[in-house]
């Protein structure tokens, strides 16, 4: 029995570079395209095992150009920087939504350790 939340709506806001995902448990998340891109589930980003991750740099203005449904369990996000591998399962999208700030802080920390500076994206400002 699968009790994991499933999306009821997925909407791309290209101007603000946000993917809005609503789930059947009432949760609704706005996920910045940059966050989705740097946490892509692809082997290109994650590697093939622990410690093989590749830090994504310079993705502040990345956007999603297309969303392709994959069965009843995931979507494939196609980014305007050419990245198009990796399937974003419902579980992953939910996890990124629930832990958005934690993942964002970890990303900023990794950038800083690598010697890169980055400012907060406009899409992270709360309205």
C-alpha atoms as a PDB file:
ATOM      1  CA  UNK A   1       0.000   0.000   0.000  1.00  0.00           C
ATOM      2  CA  UNK A   2       1.510   3.316  -1.104  1.00  0.00           C
ATOM      3  CA  UNK A   3       0.709   6.097   1.343  1.00  0.00           C
ATOM      4  CA  UNK A   4       3.186   8.623  -0.063  1.00  0.00           C
ATOM      5  CA  UNK A   5       1.599  11.911  -1.134  1.00  0.00           C
ATOM      6  CA  UNK A   6       1.023  12.350  -4.858  1.00  0.00           C
ATOM      7  CA  UNK A   7       0.781  15.627  -6.759  1.00  0.00           C
ATOM      8  CA  UNK A   8      -2.606  17.017  -7.625  1.00  0.00           C
ATOM      9  CA  UNK A   9      -1.141  19.973  -9.517  1.00  0.00           C
ATOM     10  CA  UNK A  10       2.227  20.917 -10.982  1.00  0.00           C
ATOM     11  CA  UNK A  11       2.538  24.446 -12.306  1.00  0.00           C
ATOM     12  CA  UNK A  12       5.626  26.172 -13.690  1.00  0.00           C
ATOM     13  CA  UNK A  13       5.997  29.903 -13.085  1.00  0.00           C
ATOM     14  CA  UNK A  14       8.719  30.717 -15.598  1.00  0.00           C
ATOM     15  CA  UNK A  15       8.924  34.432 -14.825  1.00  0.00           C
ATOM     16  CA  UNK A  16       9.706  33.783 -11.143  1.00  0.00           C
ATOM     17  CA  UNK A  17      11.526  30.505 -11.928  1.00  0.00           C
ATOM     18  CA  UNK A  18       9.404  28.472  -9.504  1.00  0.00           C
ATOM     19  CA  UNK A  19       7.800  25.069  -9.821  1.00  0.00           C
ATOM     20  CA  UNK A  20       4.642  24.950  -7.714  1.00  0.00           C
ATOM     21  CA  UNK A  21       3.588  21.482  -6.629  1.00  0.00           C
ATOM     22  CA  UNK A  22       0.401  20.700  -4.703  1.00  0.00           C
ATOM     23  CA  UNK A  23      -0.054  17.280  -3.095  1.00  0.00           C
ATOM     24  CA  UNK A  24      -3.106  15.259  -2.146  1.00  0.00           C
ATOM     25  CA  UNK A  25      -2.340  15.654   1.568  1.00  0.00           C
ATOM     26  CA  UNK A  26      -2.831  19.431   1.272  1.00  0.00           C
ATOM     27  CA  UNK A  27       0.867  20.349   1.117  1.00  0.00           C
ATOM     28  CA  UNK A  28       1.863  22.937  -1.489  1.00  0.00           C
ATOM     29  CA  UNK A  29       5.457  23.863  -2.260  1.00  0.00           C
ATOM     30  CA  UNK A  30       7.176  26.444  -4.425  1.00  0.00           C
ATOM     31  CA  UNK A  31      10.491  25.007  -5.536  1.00  0.00           C
ATOM     32  CA  UNK A  32      13.032  27.308  -7.180  1.00  0.00           C
ATOM     33  CA  UNK A  33      14.313  26.005 -10.521  1.00  0.00           C
ATOM     34  CA  UNK A  34      17.857  26.513  -9.248  1.00  0.00           C
ATOM     35  CA  UNK A  35      17.230  24.212  -6.276  1.00  0.00           C
ATOM     36  CA  UNK A  36      15.707  21.572  -8.545  1.00  0.00           C
ATOM     37  CA  UNK A  37      18.637  21.839 -10.941  1.00  0.00           C
ATOM     38  CA  UNK A  38      21.395  21.580  -8.329  1.00  0.00           C
ATOM     39  CA  UNK A  39      19.651  18.632  -6.653  1.00  0.00           C
ATOM     40  CA  UNK A  40      18.892  16.827  -9.905  1.00  0.00           C
ATOM     41  CA  UNK A  41      18.585  13.079  -9.340  1.00  0.00           C
ATOM     42  CA  UNK A  42      20.706  12.448 -12.446  1.00  0.00           C
ATOM     43  CA  UNK A  43      23.992  10.558 -12.389  1.00  0.00           C
ATOM     44  CA  UNK A  44      25.596  13.676 -13.909  1.00  0.00           C
ATOM     45  CA  UNK A  45      24.855  15.557 -10.662  1.00  0.00           C
ATOM     46  CA  UNK A  46      24.674  12.805  -8.035  1.00  0.00           C
ATOM     47  CA  UNK A  47      27.297  10.478  -9.423  1.00  0.00           C
ATOM     48  CA  UNK A  48      27.018   6.735  -9.071  1.00  0.00           C
ATOM     49  CA  UNK A  49      27.517   6.552  -5.327  1.00  0.00           C
ATOM     50  CA  UNK A  50      28.152   8.508  -2.133  1.00  0.00           C
ATOM     51  CA  UNK A  51      30.894  11.099  -2.459  1.00  0.00           C
ATOM     52  CA  UNK A  52      30.625  11.280  -6.252  1.00  0.00           C
ATOM     53  CA  UNK A  53      28.288  14.284  -6.337  1.00  0.00           C
ATOM     54  CA  UNK A  54      29.200  17.164  -8.645  1.00  0.00           C
ATOM     55  CA  UNK A  55      28.614  20.644  -7.262  1.00  0.00           C
ATOM     56  CA  UNK A  56      26.541  22.661  -9.719  1.00  0.00           C
ATOM     57  CA  UNK A  57      27.826  26.219 -10.106  1.00  0.00           C
ATOM     58  CA  UNK A  58      26.331  29.217 -11.894  1.00  0.00           C
ATOM     59  CA  UNK A  59      22.717  28.022 -11.900  1.00  0.00           C
ATOM     60  CA  UNK A  60      21.202  31.202 -10.392  1.00  0.00           C
ATOM     61  CA  UNK A  61      19.171  32.015 -13.513  1.00  0.00           C
ATOM     62  CA  UNK A  62      18.360  28.500 -14.727  1.00  0.00           C
ATOM     63  CA  UNK A  63      14.776  27.875 -15.739  1.00  0.00           C
ATOM     64  CA  UNK A  64      12.671  24.881 -16.721  1.00  0.00           C
ATOM     65  CA  UNK A  65      11.732  24.827 -20.387  1.00  0.00           C
ATOM     66  CA  UNK A  66       9.564  21.676 -20.332  1.00  0.00           C
ATOM     67  CA  UNK A  67       8.007  19.145 -17.970  1.00  0.00           C
ATOM     68  CA  UNK A  68       7.381  15.601 -19.191  1.00  0.00           C
ATOM     69  CA  UNK A  69       5.261  13.152 -17.169  1.00  0.00           C
ATOM     70  CA  UNK A  70       6.852   9.763 -16.557  1.00  0.00           C
ATOM     71  CA  UNK A  71       4.180   7.201 -15.774  1.00  0.00           C
ATOM     72  CA  UNK A  72       2.273   7.880 -12.578  1.00  0.00           C
ATOM     73  CA  UNK A  73       5.327   8.342 -10.360  1.00  0.00           C
ATOM     74  CA  UNK A  74       7.607  11.109 -11.684  1.00  0.00           C
ATOM     75  CA  UNK A  75       8.317  13.983 -14.054  1.00  0.00           C
ATOM     76  CA  UNK A  76      11.318  14.718 -16.204  1.00  0.00           C
ATOM     77  CA  UNK A  77      12.345  18.358 -15.961  1.00  0.00           C
ATOM     78  CA  UNK A  78      14.108  19.866 -18.962  1.00  0.00           C
ATOM     79  CA  UNK A  79      16.199  22.881 -18.031  1.00  0.00           C
ATOM     80  CA  UNK A  80      17.150  25.736 -20.314  1.00  0.00           C
ATOM     81  CA  UNK A  81      20.860  25.064 -19.690  1.00  0.00           C
ATOM     82  CA  UNK A  82      20.505  21.767 -21.592  1.00  0.00           C
ATOM     83  CA  UNK A  83      20.232  19.475 -18.565  1.00  0.00           C
ATOM     84  CA  UNK A  84      17.471  16.931 -19.142  1.00  0.00           C
ATOM     85  CA  UNK A  85      18.385  13.750 -17.302  1.00  0.00           C
ATOM     86  CA  UNK A  86      17.058  12.611 -13.969  1.00  0.00           C
ATOM     87  CA  UNK A  87      13.538  11.697 -12.949  1.00  0.00           C
ATOM     88  CA  UNK A  88      11.920  13.719 -10.184  1.00  0.00           C
ATOM     89  CA  UNK A  89       9.736  11.225  -8.331  1.00  0.00           C
ATOM     90  CA  UNK A  90       6.823  12.380  -6.223  1.00  0.00           C
ATOM     91  CA  UNK A  91       8.782  11.401  -3.104  1.00  0.00           C
ATOM     92  CA  UNK A  92      11.760  13.529  -4.182  1.00  0.00           C
ATOM     93  CA  UNK A  93       9.612  16.574  -4.980  1.00  0.00           C
ATOM     94  CA  UNK A  94       7.869  16.249  -1.609  1.00  0.00           C
ATOM     95  CA  UNK A  95      11.179  15.853   0.230  1.00  0.00           C
ATOM     96  CA  UNK A  96      12.634  18.914  -1.517  1.00  0.00           C
ATOM     97  CA  UNK A  97       9.531  20.867  -0.546  1.00  0.00           C
ATOM     98  CA  UNK A  98       9.460  19.837   3.107  1.00  0.00           C
ATOM     99  CA  UNK A  99      13.209  20.313   3.541  1.00  0.00           C
ATOM    100  CA  UNK A 100      13.659  23.215   1.098  1.00  0.00           C
ATOM    101  CA  UNK A 101      15.526  25.510   3.515  1.00  0.00           C
ATOM    102  CA  UNK A 102      17.787  22.703   4.745  1.00  0.00           C
ATOM    103  CA  UNK A 103      18.732  21.748   1.172  1.00  0.00           C
ATOM    104  CA  UNK A 104      19.219  25.407   0.208  1.00  0.00           C
ATOM    105  CA  UNK A 105      21.519  26.043   3.192  1.00  0.00           C
ATOM    106  CA  UNK A 106      23.546  22.921   2.387  1.00  0.00           C
ATOM    107  CA  UNK A 107      23.934  24.067  -1.227  1.00  0.00           C
ATOM    108  CA  UNK A 108      25.128  27.529  -0.118  1.00  0.00           C
ATOM    109  CA  UNK A 109      27.561  25.923   2.325  1.00  0.00           C
ATOM    110  CA  UNK A 110      28.981  23.659  -0.396  1.00  0.00           C
ATOM    111  CA  UNK A 111      29.390  26.647  -2.725  1.00  0.00           C
ATOM    112  CA  UNK A 112      31.199  28.596  -0.017  1.00  0.00           C
ATOM    113  CA  UNK A 113      33.534  25.677   0.780  1.00  0.00           C
ATOM    114  CA  UNK A 114      34.343  25.492  -2.936  1.00  0.00           C
ATOM    115  CA  UNK A 115      35.190  29.215  -2.960  1.00  0.00           C
ATOM    116  CA  UNK A 116      32.101  30.462  -4.791  1.00  0.00           C
ATOM    117  CA  UNK A 117      29.884  33.321  -3.665  1.00  0.00           C
ATOM    118  CA  UNK A 118      26.207  33.475  -4.520  1.00  0.00           C
ATOM    119  CA  UNK A 119      23.412  35.809  -3.556  1.00  0.00           C
ATOM    120  CA  UNK A 120      19.884  34.812  -2.614  1.00  0.00           C
ATOM    121  CA  UNK A 121      17.725  34.366  -5.712  1.00  0.00           C
ATOM    122  CA  UNK A 122      14.714  36.619  -6.146  1.00  0.00           C
ATOM    123  CA  UNK A 123      12.460  33.543  -5.934  1.00  0.00           C
ATOM    124  CA  UNK A 124      13.518  32.846  -2.338  1.00  0.00           C
ATOM    125  CA  UNK A 125      12.085  36.134  -1.077  1.00  0.00           C
ATOM    126  CA  UNK A 126       8.797  35.544   0.740  1.00  0.00           C
ATOM    127  CA  UNK A 127       5.813  37.610  -0.454  1.00  0.00           C
END
